[in-house]
Amino acid sequence: MLTRFEKSRVFSARVLQLAQGAPVLVKLSGERQLIEIAQLEFEKGVLPLTVVREMPDGTKLLLDMKGEEIGKTEK
């Protein structure tokens, strides 16, 4: 599970991408604000982003948008 800080970072990064003209990854009906589009993309799991979580022992966990571990790096 992603922390609220990781979710906030993902949303802000995606909204910035959309504001700069990145393509929308979900079908939309009607006008939507950028934050709503980012939220829909997040909920549908279509964002091609990976969260890197640094652990206290120096390792790094790689997480997908559902918060599931997809990899781990050593120190």
N, C-alpha and C. Protein backbone atom coordinates (compact mmCIF):
# COMPACT_ATOMS: atom_id res chain seq x y z
N MET A 1 0.85 -1.18 0.00
CA MET A 1 0.00 0.00 0.00
C MET A 1 0.89 1.24 0.00
N LEU A 2 0.52 2.20 -0.83
CA LEU A 2 1.28 3.44 -0.89
C LEU A 2 0.88 4.35 0.27
N THR A 3 1.86 5.10 0.76
CA THR A 3 1.57 6.06 1.81
C THR A 3 0.87 7.27 1.21
N ARG A 4 0.29 8.09 2.05
CA ARG A 4 -0.39 9.29 1.55
C ARG A 4 0.60 10.24 0.89
N PHE A 5 1.85 10.21 1.33
CA PHE A 5 2.87 11.07 0.75
C PHE A 5 3.26 10.59 -0.64
N GLU A 6 3.36 9.27 -0.81
CA GLU A 6 3.67 8.70 -2.12
C GLU A 6 2.52 8.96 -3.11
N LYS A 7 1.29 8.81 -2.64
CA LYS A 7 0.14 9.09 -3.50
C LYS A 7 0.12 10.56 -3.92
N SER A 8 0.39 11.45 -2.99
CA SER A 8 0.42 12.87 -3.28
C SER A 8 1.48 13.19 -4.32
N ARG A 9 2.64 12.56 -4.20
CA ARG A 9 3.73 12.79 -5.15
C ARG A 9 3.35 12.27 -6.53
N VAL A 10 2.71 11.12 -6.61
CA VAL A 10 2.28 10.54 -7.88
C VAL A 10 1.24 11.46 -8.53
N PHE A 11 0.25 11.91 -7.76
CA PHE A 11 -0.78 12.78 -8.31
C PHE A 11 -0.19 14.09 -8.83
N SER A 12 0.69 14.70 -8.04
CA SER A 12 1.25 15.99 -8.46
C SER A 12 2.12 15.82 -9.71
N ALA A 13 2.87 14.74 -9.78
CA ALA A 13 3.69 14.48 -10.96
C ALA A 13 2.82 14.26 -12.20
N ARG A 14 1.74 13.51 -12.04
CA ARG A 14 0.87 13.22 -13.18
C ARG A 14 0.10 14.46 -13.62
N VAL A 15 -0.36 15.27 -12.68
CA VAL A 15 -1.06 16.51 -13.04
C VAL A 15 -0.12 17.43 -13.81
N LEU A 16 1.13 17.51 -13.39
CA LEU A 16 2.11 18.33 -14.10
C LEU A 16 2.32 17.80 -15.52
N GLN A 17 2.42 16.47 -15.66
CA GLN A 17 2.57 15.88 -16.99
C GLN A 17 1.37 16.23 -17.88
N LEU A 18 0.17 16.10 -17.35
CA LEU A 18 -1.04 16.42 -18.11
C LEU A 18 -1.09 17.89 -18.48
N ALA A 19 -0.68 18.76 -17.58
CA ALA A 19 -0.68 20.20 -17.84
C ALA A 19 0.29 20.56 -18.95
N GLN A 20 1.33 19.75 -19.10
CA GLN A 20 2.32 20.01 -20.13
C GLN A 20 2.03 19.28 -21.43
N GLY A 21 0.84 18.66 -21.53
CA GLY A 21 0.40 18.09 -22.78
C GLY A 21 0.55 16.59 -22.93
N ALA A 22 0.82 15.87 -21.85
CA ALA A 22 0.93 14.41 -21.93
C ALA A 22 -0.43 13.81 -22.32
N PRO A 23 -0.43 12.70 -23.05
CA PRO A 23 -1.71 12.10 -23.43
C PRO A 23 -2.44 11.51 -22.23
N VAL A 24 -3.76 11.57 -22.29
CA VAL A 24 -4.61 11.01 -21.25
C VAL A 24 -4.69 9.50 -21.48
N LEU A 25 -4.57 8.70 -20.42
CA LEU A 25 -4.49 7.24 -20.54
C LEU A 25 -5.82 6.53 -20.31
N VAL A 26 -6.90 7.28 -20.09
CA VAL A 26 -8.22 6.70 -19.91
C VAL A 26 -9.21 7.41 -20.82
N LYS A 27 -10.30 6.72 -21.15
CA LYS A 27 -11.36 7.37 -21.93
C LYS A 27 -12.18 8.25 -21.02
N LEU A 28 -12.48 9.44 -21.50
CA LEU A 28 -13.23 10.41 -20.70
C LEU A 28 -14.54 10.76 -21.40
N SER A 29 -15.54 11.03 -20.60
CA SER A 29 -16.80 11.53 -21.13
C SER A 29 -17.01 12.92 -20.54
N GLY A 30 -16.90 13.92 -21.37
CA GLY A 30 -17.09 15.28 -20.90
C GLY A 30 -15.79 15.90 -20.40
N GLU A 31 -15.92 17.14 -19.97
CA GLU A 31 -14.77 17.89 -19.47
C GLU A 31 -14.42 17.45 -18.06
N ARG A 32 -13.15 17.31 -17.80
CA ARG A 32 -12.66 16.96 -16.46
C ARG A 32 -11.48 17.86 -16.12
N GLN A 33 -11.31 18.11 -14.85
CA GLN A 33 -10.13 18.84 -14.39
C GLN A 33 -8.95 17.87 -14.36
N LEU A 34 -7.75 18.41 -14.40
CA LEU A 34 -6.56 17.57 -14.47
C LEU A 34 -6.43 16.64 -13.27
N ILE A 35 -6.75 17.11 -12.09
CA ILE A 35 -6.65 16.27 -10.90
C ILE A 35 -7.64 15.11 -10.97
N GLU A 36 -8.81 15.33 -11.55
CA GLU A 36 -9.79 14.26 -11.70
C GLU A 36 -9.28 13.21 -12.70
N ILE A 37 -8.65 13.67 -13.76
CA ILE A 37 -8.09 12.74 -14.75
C ILE A 37 -7.00 11.89 -14.11
N ALA A 38 -6.11 12.53 -13.35
CA ALA A 38 -5.03 11.80 -12.68
C ALA A 38 -5.59 10.79 -11.69
N GLN A 39 -6.64 11.15 -10.99
CA GLN A 39 -7.26 10.24 -10.03
C GLN A 39 -7.88 9.04 -10.74
N LEU A 40 -8.56 9.27 -11.87
CA LEU A 40 -9.15 8.17 -12.64
C LEU A 40 -8.06 7.22 -13.15
N GLU A 41 -6.98 7.79 -13.64
CA GLU A 41 -5.87 6.97 -14.13
C GLU A 41 -5.28 6.13 -13.00
N PHE A 42 -5.14 6.73 -11.83
CA PHE A 42 -4.59 6.02 -10.67
C PHE A 42 -5.52 4.87 -10.26
N GLU A 43 -6.82 5.15 -10.19
CA GLU A 43 -7.79 4.14 -9.77
C GLU A 43 -7.86 2.97 -10.75
N LYS A 44 -7.71 3.25 -12.03
CA LYS A 44 -7.76 2.19 -13.04
C LYS A 44 -6.42 1.46 -13.18
N GLY A 45 -5.39 1.98 -12.55
CA GLY A 45 -4.09 1.31 -12.56
C GLY A 45 -3.36 1.39 -13.89
N VAL A 46 -3.55 2.46 -14.64
CA VAL A 46 -2.92 2.57 -15.95
C VAL A 46 -1.67 3.45 -15.95
N LEU A 47 -1.31 4.00 -14.82
CA LEU A 47 -0.14 4.86 -14.77
C LEU A 47 1.14 4.03 -14.84
N PRO A 48 2.00 4.34 -15.79
CA PRO A 48 3.25 3.58 -15.93
C PRO A 48 4.34 4.16 -15.04
N LEU A 49 4.07 4.25 -13.75
CA LEU A 49 5.02 4.83 -12.81
C LEU A 49 5.41 3.79 -11.76
N THR A 50 6.61 3.96 -11.22
CA THR A 50 7.10 3.10 -10.16
C THR A 50 7.53 3.97 -8.99
N VAL A 51 7.13 3.61 -7.79
CA VAL A 51 7.54 4.33 -6.58
C VAL A 51 8.74 3.60 -5.99
N VAL A 52 9.78 4.37 -5.68
CA VAL A 52 10.97 3.81 -5.04
C VAL A 52 10.94 4.23 -3.59
N ARG A 53 10.82 3.25 -2.69
CA ARG A 53 10.74 3.52 -1.26
C ARG A 53 12.07 3.10 -0.62
N GLU A 54 12.76 4.07 -0.04
CA GLU A 54 14.03 3.77 0.63
C GLU A 54 13.75 3.29 2.04
N MET A 55 14.35 2.16 2.38
CA MET A 55 14.16 1.56 3.68
C MET A 55 15.30 1.96 4.62
N PRO A 56 15.10 1.86 5.94
CA PRO A 56 16.13 2.27 6.91
C PRO A 56 17.45 1.50 6.76
N ASP A 57 17.41 0.26 6.26
CA ASP A 57 18.64 -0.52 6.14
C ASP A 57 19.40 -0.22 4.84
N GLY A 58 18.92 0.75 4.06
CA GLY A 58 19.61 1.15 2.84
C GLY A 58 19.10 0.50 1.57
N THR A 59 18.24 -0.50 1.69
CA THR A 59 17.68 -1.12 0.50
C THR A 59 16.55 -0.25 -0.04
N LYS A 60 16.17 -0.52 -1.28
CA LYS A 60 15.09 0.22 -1.90
C LYS A 60 14.05 -0.76 -2.42
N LEU A 61 12.78 -0.48 -2.11
CA LEU A 61 11.68 -1.28 -2.62
C LEU A 61 11.09 -0.58 -3.82
N LEU A 62 10.80 -1.34 -4.86
CA LEU A 62 10.13 -0.81 -6.04
C LEU A 62 8.68 -1.24 -5.97
N LEU A 63 7.77 -0.26 -6.00
CA LEU A 63 6.34 -0.52 -5.85
C LEU A 63 5.58 -0.05 -7.08
N ASP A 64 4.56 -0.82 -7.48
CA ASP A 64 3.69 -0.37 -8.56
C ASP A 64 2.61 0.54 -7.96
N MET A 65 1.69 0.98 -8.79
CA MET A 65 0.68 1.93 -8.33
C MET A 65 -0.34 1.33 -7.38
N LYS A 66 -0.37 0.01 -7.25
CA LYS A 66 -1.26 -0.62 -6.28
C LYS A 66 -0.55 -0.81 -4.95
N GLY A 67 0.72 -0.46 -4.89
CA GLY A 67 1.49 -0.61 -3.68
C GLY A 67 2.10 -1.99 -3.52
N GLU A 68 2.06 -2.79 -4.58
CA GLU A 68 2.62 -4.13 -4.52
C GLU A 68 4.09 -4.10 -4.92
N GLU A 69 4.88 -4.89 -4.22
CA GLU A 69 6.33 -4.90 -4.47
C GLU A 69 6.61 -5.56 -5.83
N ILE A 70 7.40 -4.89 -6.64
CA ILE A 70 7.79 -5.44 -7.93
C ILE A 70 9.28 -5.69 -8.02
N GLY A 71 10.01 -5.27 -6.99
CA GLY A 71 11.44 -5.51 -6.97
C GLY A 71 12.07 -4.96 -5.72
N LYS A 72 13.34 -5.29 -5.54
CA LYS A 72 14.07 -4.83 -4.37
C LYS A 72 15.54 -4.70 -4.76
N THR A 73 16.18 -3.63 -4.33
CA THR A 73 17.60 -3.46 -4.60
C THR A 73 18.38 -3.60 -3.30
N GLU A 74 19.62 -3.98 -3.46
CA GLU A 74 20.50 -4.10 -2.30
C GLU A 74 21.16 -2.76 -2.04
N LYS A 75 21.89 -2.66 -0.94
CA LYS A 75 22.58 -1.42 -0.56
C LYS A 75 23.51 -0.96 -1.63
